[in-house]
PDB file of N, CA and C in Angstrom:
ATOM      1  N   MET A   1      97.742-267.110  25.363  1.00  0.00           N
ATOM      2  CA  MET A   1      98.261-268.421  25.634  1.00  0.00           C
ATOM      3  C   MET A   1      97.143-269.264  26.223  1.00  0.00           C
ATOM      4  N   SER A   2      97.048-270.478  25.812  1.00  0.00           N
ATOM      5  CA  SER A   2      96.017-271.389  26.266  1.00  0.00           C
ATOM      6  C   SER A   2      96.313-271.889  27.677  1.00  0.00           C
ATOM      7  N   GLU A   3      95.251-272.181  28.433  1.00  0.00           N
ATOM      8  CA  GLU A   3      95.421-272.767  29.749  1.00  0.00           C
ATOM      9  C   GLU A   3      96.081-274.133  29.656  1.00  0.00           C
ATOM     10  N   ASN A   4      95.981-274.775  28.486  1.00  0.00           N
ATOM     11  CA  ASN A   4      96.500-276.119  28.306  1.00  0.00           C
ATOM     12  C   ASN A   4      97.945-276.159  27.843  1.00  0.00           C
ATOM     13  N   SER A   5      98.585-274.992  27.655  1.00  0.00           N
ATOM     14  CA  SER A   5      99.971-275.024  27.196  1.00  0.00           C
ATOM     15  C   SER A   5     100.832-275.695  28.256  1.00  0.00           C
ATOM     16  N   LYS A   6     101.896-276.328  27.795  1.00  0.00           N
ATOM     17  CA  LYS A   6     102.773-277.073  28.686  1.00  0.00           C
ATOM     18  C   LYS A   6     104.159-276.466  28.651  1.00  0.00           C
ATOM     19  N   THR A   7     104.656-276.075  29.811  1.00  0.00           N
ATOM     20  CA  THR A   7     106.028-275.601  29.905  1.00  0.00           C
ATOM     21  C   THR A   7     106.918-276.827  29.967  1.00  0.00           C
ATOM     22  N   THR A   8     107.817-276.958  29.039  1.00  0.00           N
ATOM     23  CA  THR A   8     108.664-278.143  28.992  1.00  0.00           C
ATOM     24  C   THR A   8     110.074-277.857  29.480  1.00  0.00           C
ATOM     25  N   LEU A   9     110.337-276.639  29.843  1.00  0.00           N
ATOM     26  CA  LEU A   9     111.668-276.257  30.288  1.00  0.00           C
ATOM     27  C   LEU A   9     111.498-275.240  31.403  1.00  0.00           C
ATOM     28  N   ALA A  10     112.185-275.440  32.512  1.00  0.00           N
ATOM     29  CA  ALA A  10     112.141-274.433  33.575  1.00  0.00           C
ATOM     30  C   ALA A  10     112.662-273.123  33.002  1.00  0.00           C
ATOM     31  N   PRO A  11     112.037-272.021  33.373  1.00  0.00           N
ATOM     32  CA  PRO A  11     112.495-270.742  32.804  1.00  0.00           C
ATOM     33  C   PRO A  11     113.977-270.473  33.093  1.00  0.00           C
ATOM     34  N   ILE A  12     114.643-269.999  32.071  1.00  0.00           N
ATOM     35  CA  ILE A  12     116.011-269.518  32.239  1.00  0.00           C
ATOM     36  C   ILE A  12     115.882-268.043  32.584  1.00  0.00           C
ATOM     37  N   VAL A  13     116.466-267.641  33.698  1.00  0.00           N
ATOM     38  CA  VAL A  13     116.345-266.262  34.181  1.00  0.00           C
ATOM     39  C   VAL A  13     117.664-265.544  33.945  1.00  0.00           C
ATOM     40  N   ILE A  14     117.579-264.435  33.210  1.00  0.00           N
ATOM     41  CA  ILE A  14     118.760-263.622  32.909  1.00  0.00           C
ATOM     42  C   ILE A  14     118.570-262.266  33.592  1.00  0.00           C
ATOM     43  N   PRO A  15     119.260-262.033  34.714  1.00  0.00           N
ATOM     44  CA  PRO A  15     119.078-260.765  35.419  1.00  0.00           C
ATOM     45  C   PRO A  15     119.710-259.592  34.677  1.00  0.00           C
ATOM     46  N   TYR A  16     119.039-258.445  34.770  1.00  0.00           N
ATOM     47  CA  TYR A  16     119.636-257.207  34.271  1.00  0.00           C
ATOM     48  C   TYR A  16     120.820-256.878  35.170  1.00  0.00           C
ATOM     49  N   LYS A  17     121.857-256.289  34.605  1.00  0.00           N
ATOM     50  CA  LYS A  17     123.041-255.961  35.408  1.00  0.00           C
ATOM     51  C   LYS A  17     122.863-254.679  36.215  1.00  0.00           C
ATOM     52  N   ASP A  18     121.982-253.788  35.753  1.00  0.00           N
ATOM     53  CA  ASP A  18     121.855-252.485  36.408  1.00  0.00           C
ATOM     54  C   ASP A  18     120.502-252.257  37.077  1.00  0.00           C
ATOM     55  N   ARG A  19     119.654-253.297  37.147  1.00  0.00           N
ATOM     56  CA  ARG A  19     118.344-253.176  37.795  1.00  0.00           C
ATOM     57  C   ARG A  19     118.153-254.395  38.678  1.00  0.00           C
ATOM     58  N   PRO A  20     118.092-254.215  39.980  1.00  0.00           N
ATOM     59  CA  PRO A  20     118.100-255.334  40.909  1.00  0.00           C
ATOM     60  C   PRO A  20     116.981-256.372  40.724  1.00  0.00           C
ATOM     61  N   ARG A  21     115.790-255.988  40.372  1.00  0.00           N
ATOM     62  CA  ARG A  21     114.684-256.944  40.285  1.00  0.00           C
ATOM     63  C   ARG A  21     114.283-257.280  38.848  1.00  0.00           C
ATOM     64  N   ALA A  22     114.924-256.672  37.893  1.00  0.00           N
ATOM     65  CA  ALA A  22     114.562-256.862  36.493  1.00  0.00           C
ATOM     66  C   ALA A  22     115.268-258.076  35.901  1.00  0.00           C
ATOM     67  N   CYS A  23     114.543-258.797  35.041  1.00  0.00           N
ATOM     68  CA  CYS A  23     115.160-259.947  34.381  1.00  0.00           C
ATOM     69  C   CYS A  23     114.397-260.305  33.115  1.00  0.00           C
ATOM     70  N   ILE A  24     115.082-261.065  32.286  1.00  0.00           N
ATOM     71  CA  ILE A  24     114.502-261.642  31.075  1.00  0.00           C
ATOM     72  C   ILE A  24     114.311-263.125  31.362  1.00  0.00           C
ATOM     73  N   LEU A  25     113.187-263.671  30.925  1.00  0.00           N
ATOM     74  CA  LEU A  25     112.874-265.081  31.140  1.00  0.00           C
ATOM     75  C   LEU A  25     112.734-265.769  29.795  1.00  0.00           C
ATOM     76  N   VAL A  26     113.324-266.937  29.668  1.00  0.00           N
ATOM     77  CA  VAL A  26     113.256-267.694  28.419  1.00  0.00           C
ATOM     78  C   VAL A  26     112.817-269.115  28.754  1.00  0.00           C
ATOM     79  N   THR A  27     111.783-269.601  28.067  1.00  0.00           N
ATOM     80  CA  THR A  27     111.325-270.970  28.268  1.00  0.00           C
ATOM     81  C   THR A  27     110.689-271.506  26.997  1.00  0.00           C
ATOM     82  N   LYS A  28     110.483-272.803  26.962  1.00  0.00           N
ATOM     83  CA  LYS A  28     109.821-273.435  25.828  1.00  0.00           C
ATOM     84  C   LYS A  28     108.403-273.813  26.262  1.00  0.00           C
ATOM     85  N   LEU A  29     107.445-273.530  25.394  1.00  0.00           N
ATOM     86  CA  LEU A  29     106.053-273.911  25.640  1.00  0.00           C
ATOM     87  C   LEU A  29     105.580-274.821  24.520  1.00  0.00           C
ATOM     88  N   ASP A  30     104.998-275.940  24.897  1.00  0.00           N
ATOM     89  CA  ASP A  30     104.383-276.836  23.924  1.00  0.00           C
ATOM     90  C   ASP A  30     102.887-276.562  23.891  1.00  0.00           C
ATOM     91  N   GLU A  31     102.319-276.595  22.718  1.00  0.00           N
ATOM     92  CA  GLU A  31     100.881-276.377  22.501  1.00  0.00           C
ATOM     93  C   GLU A  31     100.373-275.090  23.169  1.00  0.00           C
ATOM     94  N   PRO A  32     101.025-273.956  22.914  1.00  0.00           N
ATOM     95  CA  PRO A  32     100.633-272.709  23.591  1.00  0.00           C
ATOM     96  C   PRO A  32      99.262-272.187  23.185  1.00  0.00           C
ATOM     97  N   TYR A  33      98.774-272.595  22.021  1.00  0.00           N
ATOM     98  CA  TYR A  33      97.489-272.090  21.536  1.00  0.00           C
ATOM     99  C   TYR A  33      96.474-273.207  21.381  1.00  0.00           C
ATOM    100  N   GLY A  34      96.685-274.291  22.125  1.00  0.00           N
ATOM    101  CA  GLY A  34      95.754-275.411  22.078  1.00  0.00           C
ATOM    102  C   GLY A  34      96.406-276.644  21.484  1.00  0.00           C
ATOM    103  N   PRO A  35      95.665-277.772  21.507  1.00  0.00           N
ATOM    104  CA  PRO A  35      96.209-279.033  21.005  1.00  0.00           C
ATOM    105  C   PRO A  35      96.753-278.908  19.582  1.00  0.00           C
ATOM    106  N   ASP A  36      97.905-279.493  19.388  1.00  0.00           N
ATOM    107  CA  ASP A  36      98.575-279.559  18.093  1.00  0.00           C
ATOM    108  C   ASP A  36      99.120-278.227  17.592  1.00  0.00           C
ATOM    109  N   SER A  37      99.070-277.163  18.415  1.00  0.00           N
ATOM    110  CA  SER A  37      99.693-275.916  17.972  1.00  0.00           C
ATOM    111  C   SER A  37     101.213-276.043  18.134  1.00  0.00           C
ATOM    112  N   GLU A  38     101.931-275.305  17.294  1.00  0.00           N
ATOM    113  CA  GLU A  38     103.390-275.392  17.249  1.00  0.00           C
ATOM    114  C   GLU A  38     104.022-274.895  18.550  1.00  0.00           C
ATOM    115  N   SER A  39     105.057-275.599  18.988  1.00  0.00           N
ATOM    116  CA  SER A  39     105.805-275.177  20.175  1.00  0.00           C
ATOM    117  C   SER A  39     106.493-273.844  19.905  1.00  0.00           C
ATOM    118  N   VAL A  40     106.704-273.081  20.980  1.00  0.00           N
ATOM    119  CA  VAL A  40     107.338-271.772  20.868  1.00  0.00           C
ATOM    120  C   VAL A  40     108.378-271.609  21.963  1.00  0.00           C
ATOM    121  N   VAL A  41     109.279-270.670  21.736  1.00  0.00           N
ATOM    122  CA  VAL A  41     110.132-270.165  22.798  1.00  0.00           C
ATOM    123  C   VAL A  41     109.447-268.903  23.288  1.00  0.00           C
ATOM    124  N   SER A  42     109.175-268.861  24.574  1.00  0.00           N
ATOM    125  CA  SER A  42     108.540-267.696  25.181  1.00  0.00           C
ATOM    126  C   SER A  42     109.628-266.858  25.836  1.00  0.00           C
ATOM    127  N   ILE A  43     109.702-265.578  25.443  1.00  0.00           N
ATOM    128  CA  ILE A  43     110.683-264.649  25.999  1.00  0.00           C
ATOM    129  C   ILE A  43     109.895-263.544  26.694  1.00  0.00           C
ATOM    130  N   GLY A  44     110.135-263.410  27.982  1.00  0.00           N
ATOM    131  CA  GLY A  44     109.413-262.412  28.760  1.00  0.00           C
ATOM    132  C   GLY A  44     110.376-261.481  29.467  1.00  0.00           C
ATOM    133  N   CYS A  45     109.823-260.385  29.968  1.00  0.00           N
ATOM    134  CA  CYS A  45     110.623-259.409  30.699  1.00  0.00           C
ATOM    135  C   CYS A  45     109.812-258.899  31.877  1.00  0.00           C
ATOM    136  N   THR A  46     110.454-258.820  33.018  1.00  0.00           N
ATOM    137  CA  THR A  46     109.834-258.199  34.176  1.00  0.00           C
ATOM    138  C   THR A  46     110.811-257.191  34.774  1.00  0.00           C
ATOM    139  N   LEU A  47     110.291-256.055  35.129  1.00  0.00           N
ATOM    140  CA  LEU A  47     111.114-255.044  35.796  1.00  0.00           C
ATOM    141  C   LEU A  47     110.873-255.054  37.296  1.00  0.00           C
ATOM    142  N   LYS A  48     109.857-255.812  37.727  1.00  0.00           N
ATOM    143  CA  LYS A  48     109.460-255.844  39.133  1.00  0.00           C
ATOM    144  C   LYS A  48     109.804-257.155  39.814  1.00  0.00           C
ATOM    145  N   GLY A  49     110.444-258.061  39.108  1.00  0.00           N
ATOM    146  CA  GLY A  49     110.840-259.322  39.707  1.00  0.00           C
ATOM    147  C   GLY A  49     109.762-260.383  39.728  1.00  0.00           C
ATOM    148  N   ASP A  50     108.644-260.138  39.071  1.00  0.00           N
ATOM    149  CA  ASP A  50     107.554-261.116  39.048  1.00  0.00           C
ATOM    150  C   ASP A  50     107.789-262.111  37.914  1.00  0.00           C
ATOM    151  N   THR A  51     108.531-263.173  38.209  1.00  0.00           N
ATOM    152  CA  THR A  51     108.887-264.131  37.168  1.00  0.00           C
ATOM    153  C   THR A  51     107.713-265.004  36.736  1.00  0.00           C
ATOM    154  N   SER A  52     106.648-265.044  37.513  1.00  0.00           N
ATOM    155  CA  SER A  52     105.485-265.837  37.119  1.00  0.00           C
ATOM    156  C   SER A  52     104.549-265.072  36.184  1.00  0.00           C
ATOM    157  N   ASP A  53     104.706-263.753  36.115  1.00  0.00           N
ATOM    158  CA  ASP A  53     103.838-262.940  35.263  1.00  0.00           C
ATOM    159  C   ASP A  53     104.627-261.761  34.701  1.00  0.00           C
ATOM    160  N   PRO A  54     105.465-262.019  33.678  1.00  0.00           N
ATOM    161  CA  PRO A  54     106.279-260.937  33.121  1.00  0.00           C
ATOM    162  C   PRO A  54     105.430-259.809  32.544  1.00  0.00           C
ATOM    163  N   SER A  55     105.998-258.620  32.522  1.00  0.00           N
ATOM    164  CA  SER A  55     105.294-257.438  32.001  1.00  0.00           C
ATOM    165  C   SER A  55     104.962-257.587  30.530  1.00  0.00           C
ATOM    166  N   TRP A  56     105.830-258.217  29.775  1.00  0.00           N
ATOM    167  CA  TRP A  56     105.560-258.474  28.360  1.00  0.00           C
ATOM    168  C   TRP A  56     106.176-259.805  27.964  1.00  0.00           C
ATOM    169  N   LYS A  57     105.631-260.369  26.885  1.00  0.00           N
ATOM    170  CA  LYS A  57     106.130-261.641  26.353  1.00  0.00           C
ATOM    171  C   LYS A  57     106.064-261.620  24.844  1.00  0.00           C
ATOM    172  N   VAL A  58     106.937-262.395  24.245  1.00  0.00           N
ATOM    173  CA  VAL A  58     106.873-262.654  22.812  1.00  0.00           C
ATOM    174  C   VAL A  58     107.052-264.155  22.644  1.00  0.00           C
ATOM    175  N   HIS A  59     106.297-264.729  21.735  1.00  0.00           N
ATOM    176  CA  HIS A  59     106.413-266.157  21.438  1.00  0.00           C
ATOM    177  C   HIS A  59     107.017-266.313  20.047  1.00  0.00           C
ATOM    178  N   VAL A  60     108.106-267.056  19.982  1.00  0.00           N
ATOM    179  CA  VAL A  60     108.817-267.287  18.727  1.00  0.00           C
ATOM    180  C   VAL A  60     108.642-268.757  18.354  1.00  0.00           C
ATOM    181  N   PRO A  61     108.021-269.054  17.217  1.00  0.00           N
ATOM    182  CA  PRO A  61     107.904-270.451  16.800  1.00  0.00           C
ATOM    183  C   PRO A  61     109.289-271.102  16.744  1.00  0.00           C
ATOM    184  N   LEU A  62     109.368-272.350  17.181  1.00  0.00           N
ATOM    185  CA  LEU A  62     110.667-273.033  17.232  1.00  0.00           C
ATOM    186  C   LEU A  62     111.403-272.997  15.895  1.00  0.00           C
ATOM    187  N   GLY A  63     110.676-273.069  14.805  1.00  0.00           N
ATOM    188  CA  GLY A  63     111.304-273.052  13.494  1.00  0.00           C
ATOM    189  C   GLY A  63     112.016-271.749  13.170  1.00  0.00           C
ATOM    190  N   LEU A  64     111.688-270.672  13.875  1.00  0.00           N
ATOM    191  CA  LEU A  64     112.328-269.369  13.625  1.00  0.00           C
ATOM    192  C   LEU A  64     113.458-269.060  14.597  1.00  0.00           C
ATOM    193  N   VAL A  65     113.685-269.929  15.581  1.00  0.00           N
ATOM    194  CA  VAL A  65     114.706-269.656  16.591  1.00  0.00           C
ATOM    195  C   VAL A  65     116.105-269.491  15.986  1.00  0.00           C
ATOM    196  N   PRO A  66     116.530-270.339  15.040  1.00  0.00           N
ATOM    197  CA  PRO A  66     117.866-270.119  14.468  1.00  0.00           C
ATOM    198  C   PRO A  66     118.014-268.736  13.818  1.00  0.00           C
ATOM    199  N   GLU A  67     116.989-268.276  13.128  1.00  0.00           N
ATOM    200  CA  GLU A  67     117.048-266.942  12.511  1.00  0.00           C
ATOM    201  C   GLU A  67     117.087-265.852  13.573  1.00  0.00           C
ATOM    202  N   LEU A  68     116.335-266.045  14.654  1.00  0.00           N
ATOM    203  CA  LEU A  68     116.343-265.077  15.751  1.00  0.00           C
ATOM    204  C   LEU A  68     117.728-265.010  16.385  1.00  0.00           C
ATOM    205  N   ILE A  69     118.346-266.166  16.605  1.00  0.00           N
ATOM    206  CA  ILE A  69     119.687-266.201  17.179  1.00  0.00           C
ATOM    207  C   ILE A  69     120.669-265.451  16.281  1.00  0.00           C
ATOM    208  N   ASN A  70     120.597-265.686  14.982  1.00  0.00           N
ATOM    209  CA  ASN A  70     121.472-264.980  14.030  1.00  0.00           C
ATOM    210  C   ASN A  70     121.244-263.472  14.087  1.00  0.00           C
ATOM    211  N   ALA A  71     119.977-263.067  14.161  1.00  0.00           N
ATOM    212  CA  ALA A  71     119.662-261.636  14.226  1.00  0.00           C
ATOM    213  C   ALA A  71     120.207-261.018  15.516  1.00  0.00           C
ATOM    214  N   LEU A  72     120.072-261.732  16.616  1.00  0.00           N
ATOM    215  CA  LEU A  72     120.598-261.223  17.893  1.00  0.00           C
ATOM    216  C   LEU A  72     122.117-261.082  17.855  1.00  0.00           C
ATOM    217  N   ARG A  73     122.758-262.061  17.243  1.00  0.00           N
ATOM    218  CA  ARG A  73     124.218-261.980  17.095  1.00  0.00           C
ATOM    219  C   ARG A  73     124.606-260.779  16.230  1.00  0.00           C
ATOM    220  N   GLU A  74     123.848-260.561  15.164  1.00  0.00           N
ATOM    221  CA  GLU A  74     124.157-259.463  14.256  1.00  0.00           C
ATOM    222  C   GLU A  74     124.031-258.099  14.948  1.00  0.00           C
ATOM    223  N   VAL A  75     122.978-257.913  15.707  1.00  0.00           N
ATOM    224  CA  VAL A  75     122.817-256.604  16.376  1.00  0.00           C
ATOM    225  C   VAL A  75     123.757-256.454  17.555  1.00  0.00           C
ATOM    226  N   HIS A  76     124.266-257.545  18.060  1.00  0.00           N
ATOM    227  CA  HIS A  76     125.203-257.490  19.191  1.00  0.00           C
ATOM    228  C   HIS A  76     126.593-257.061  18.756  1.00  0.00           C
ATOM    229  N   GLU A  77     126.936-257.341  17.511  1.00  0.00           N
ATOM    230  CA  GLU A  77     128.296-257.028  17.017  1.00  0.00           C
ATOM    231  C   GLU A  77     128.519-255.564  16.820  1.00  0.00           C
TER     232      GLU A  77
END
């Protein structure tokens, strides 16, 4: 991720139900890979409660978010 990326949404924090400090973080980043790069949804996970530096992250281009939502719904059923 570029130093110049812009967080445009405060992270949404989803706590794990069975782990006191663990959570999933979801936010939108604009220009994550430099000027004019496509915005992404950043999904991170921390098991230690460090919301500023999750243990892992995945960046999903905004154009793929509807497909990701459908896939999540499908595996949830």
